[in-house]
Amino acid sequence: MGSGENKAIVQRFFAEVINKRNAAVIDELFASNYTHHDAAAPTELQQSRDGYKQLILGFLAAFPDLTMKVENWIVEGDKVVALWSWRATHTGPLGPIPPTGKKVLGMGIDIRRITNGKIVEGWVGYDTMSMMQQLGLVPPAGPGN
């Protein structure tokens, strides 16, 4: 597949899975042996497509109005990089964290490796500290804190 097709796969992930809440599309886009890399996610949910789907469903349950917008793309060979912004309201439990009702916004980055039309590996990073500060769970950094 060419870089245009690879980008279209990742675009579909953001459009359908994240912004339209259609987690079933993960089965179409991701290889069954998908491996996920995310320092903020439980290790057991990073070892397969089904684990990743649980991770996504949990995040969407915690932030049911979540929207992501890709701000920039880099596509090279089998890798697609998306720099994205997000905004949401925390109205559901996020693991052990009860809903706060607070609005959050931030930036993050995805790197997806695609083989034979399927996403086989992914790396995700976003500013979890800022999210925790916006949720009121961690004091803001700065003088006096």
Protein backbone atom coordinates (compact mmCIF):
# COMPACT_ATOMS: atom_id res chain seq x y z
CA MET A 1 0.00 0.00 0.00
CA GLY A 2 1.11 3.53 -0.65
CA SER A 3 1.40 6.36 1.81
CA GLY A 4 -1.96 7.79 0.72
CA GLU A 5 -3.74 4.54 1.58
CA ASN A 6 -1.92 4.32 4.92
CA LYS A 7 -2.94 7.88 5.82
CA ALA A 8 -6.56 7.08 4.86
CA ILE A 9 -6.56 4.15 7.32
CA VAL A 10 -5.43 6.38 10.19
CA GLN A 11 -7.83 9.16 9.13
CA ARG A 12 -10.65 6.61 9.29
CA PHE A 13 -9.58 5.64 12.82
CA PHE A 14 -9.92 9.24 14.05
CA ALA A 15 -13.14 9.92 12.13
CA GLU A 16 -15.04 6.73 12.89
CA VAL A 17 -13.59 5.22 16.06
CA ILE A 18 -12.87 8.37 18.05
CA ASN A 19 -15.19 11.07 16.75
CA LYS A 20 -18.16 8.81 15.86
CA ARG A 21 -17.63 6.33 18.74
CA ASN A 22 -17.68 3.28 16.45
CA ALA A 23 -15.20 0.96 18.17
CA ALA A 24 -16.24 -1.93 15.91
CA VAL A 25 -14.15 -0.31 13.16
CA ILE A 26 -11.05 -1.24 15.19
CA ASP A 27 -11.57 -4.85 14.02
CA GLU A 28 -11.36 -3.69 10.40
CA LEU A 29 -8.39 -1.33 10.75
CA PHE A 30 -6.13 -3.10 13.26
CA ALA A 31 -4.35 -6.44 12.94
CA SER A 32 -5.38 -9.02 15.56
CA ASN A 33 -1.79 -9.07 16.86
CA TYR A 34 -1.67 -5.26 17.15
CA THR A 35 0.84 -3.97 19.74
CA HIS A 36 0.25 -0.67 21.48
CA HIS A 37 2.81 1.53 23.26
CA ASP A 38 1.45 4.08 25.73
CA ALA A 39 3.11 4.87 29.06
CA ALA A 40 -0.26 5.94 30.50
CA ALA A 41 -2.08 2.67 29.64
CA PRO A 42 -2.15 -0.64 31.53
CA THR A 43 0.34 -3.08 30.00
CA GLU A 44 -2.23 -5.87 29.65
CA LEU A 45 -4.32 -3.68 27.33
CA GLN A 46 -1.37 -3.03 25.00
CA GLN A 47 -0.77 -6.60 23.84
CA SER A 48 -3.60 -7.13 21.34
CA ARG A 49 -6.29 -5.50 19.26
CA ASP A 50 -8.94 -6.59 21.77
CA GLY A 51 -6.98 -5.05 24.66
CA TYR A 52 -6.57 -1.84 22.72
CA LYS A 53 -10.30 -1.80 21.99
CA GLN A 54 -10.98 -2.06 25.74
CA LEU A 55 -8.61 0.85 26.31
CA ILE A 56 -10.40 3.01 23.73
CA LEU A 57 -13.85 2.07 25.04
CA GLY A 58 -12.78 2.98 28.58
CA PHE A 59 -11.48 6.38 27.49
CA LEU A 60 -14.63 7.08 25.46
CA ALA A 61 -16.77 6.10 28.48
CA ALA A 62 -14.82 8.52 30.69
CA PHE A 63 -15.04 11.29 28.08
CA PRO A 64 -18.20 10.59 26.04
CA ASP A 65 -18.10 13.95 24.24
CA LEU A 66 -14.42 13.53 23.24
CA THR A 67 -13.43 15.05 19.91
CA MET A 68 -10.03 14.90 18.27
CA LYS A 69 -8.78 17.01 15.41
CA VAL A 70 -5.61 16.11 13.55
CA GLU A 71 -3.57 19.29 13.29
CA ASN A 72 -0.68 17.88 11.24
CA TRP A 73 0.27 14.70 9.38
CA ILE A 74 3.61 13.13 8.53
CA VAL A 75 3.47 10.08 6.30
CA GLU A 76 6.55 8.13 5.34
CA GLY A 77 6.77 4.53 4.21
CA ASP A 78 4.78 2.28 6.53
CA LYS A 79 4.39 4.94 9.24
CA VAL A 80 1.71 7.60 9.71
CA VAL A 81 2.19 10.29 12.36
CA ALA A 82 -0.73 12.41 13.51
CA LEU A 83 -0.36 15.44 15.79
CA TRP A 84 -3.80 15.97 17.29
CA SER A 85 -5.72 18.19 19.65
CA TRP A 86 -8.53 16.95 21.84
CA ARG A 87 -11.25 18.30 24.07
CA ALA A 88 -13.73 16.52 26.28
CA THR A 89 -15.72 16.57 29.50
CA HIS A 90 -14.92 14.01 32.20
CA THR A 91 -18.36 12.56 32.97
CA GLY A 92 -17.53 8.86 33.42
CA PRO A 93 -15.01 6.93 35.52
CA LEU A 94 -11.44 6.90 34.21
CA GLY A 95 -10.09 3.72 35.78
CA PRO A 96 -10.22 4.41 39.53
CA ILE A 97 -10.85 8.15 39.02
CA PRO A 98 -14.52 9.10 39.50
CA PRO A 99 -16.10 11.62 37.13
CA THR A 100 -15.17 15.23 37.88
CA GLY A 101 -17.45 16.97 35.39
CA LYS A 102 -14.51 19.12 34.31
CA LYS A 103 -13.61 20.04 30.76
CA VAL A 104 -10.14 19.19 29.48
CA LEU A 105 -8.19 19.94 26.35
CA GLY A 106 -4.77 18.99 25.17
CA MET A 107 -2.45 17.81 22.45
CA GLY A 108 -1.04 14.42 21.59
CA ILE A 109 0.69 12.40 18.95
CA ASP A 110 0.05 9.02 17.34
CA ILE A 111 2.55 7.03 15.31
CA ARG A 112 0.98 4.08 13.50
CA ARG A 113 2.82 1.38 11.56
CA ILE A 114 0.78 -0.24 8.81
CA THR A 115 1.40 -3.55 7.07
CA ASN A 116 -0.83 -5.04 4.36
CA GLY A 117 -3.59 -2.51 5.01
CA LYS A 118 -3.76 -3.09 8.79
CA ILE A 119 -2.40 -1.07 11.70
CA VAL A 120 0.06 -3.47 13.37
CA GLU A 121 1.77 -1.24 15.90
CA GLY A 122 1.13 2.12 17.50
CA TRP A 123 2.78 4.63 19.82
CA VAL A 124 0.68 7.27 21.56
CA GLY A 125 1.75 10.13 23.76
CA TYR A 126 -0.20 12.98 25.27
CA ASP A 127 0.21 15.32 28.20
CA THR A 128 -1.36 13.26 30.99
CA MET A 129 -0.04 15.64 33.67
CA SER A 130 -1.91 18.56 32.11
CA MET A 131 -5.04 16.40 31.91
CA MET A 132 -4.73 15.50 35.61
CA GLN A 133 -4.23 19.19 36.48
CA GLN A 134 -7.29 20.21 34.47
CA LEU A 135 -9.32 17.50 36.24
CA GLY A 136 -8.21 19.01 39.56
CA LEU A 137 -6.36 15.85 40.61
CA VAL A 138 -2.86 17.35 40.59
CA PRO A 139 -1.99 20.92 41.59
CA PRO A 140 -0.73 23.12 38.77
CA ALA A 141 3.02 23.56 38.54
CA GLY A 142 4.47 26.90 39.43
CA PRO A 143 5.75 29.04 42.26
CA GLY A 144 4.27 28.13 45.61
CA ASN A 145 3.16 24.63 44.55
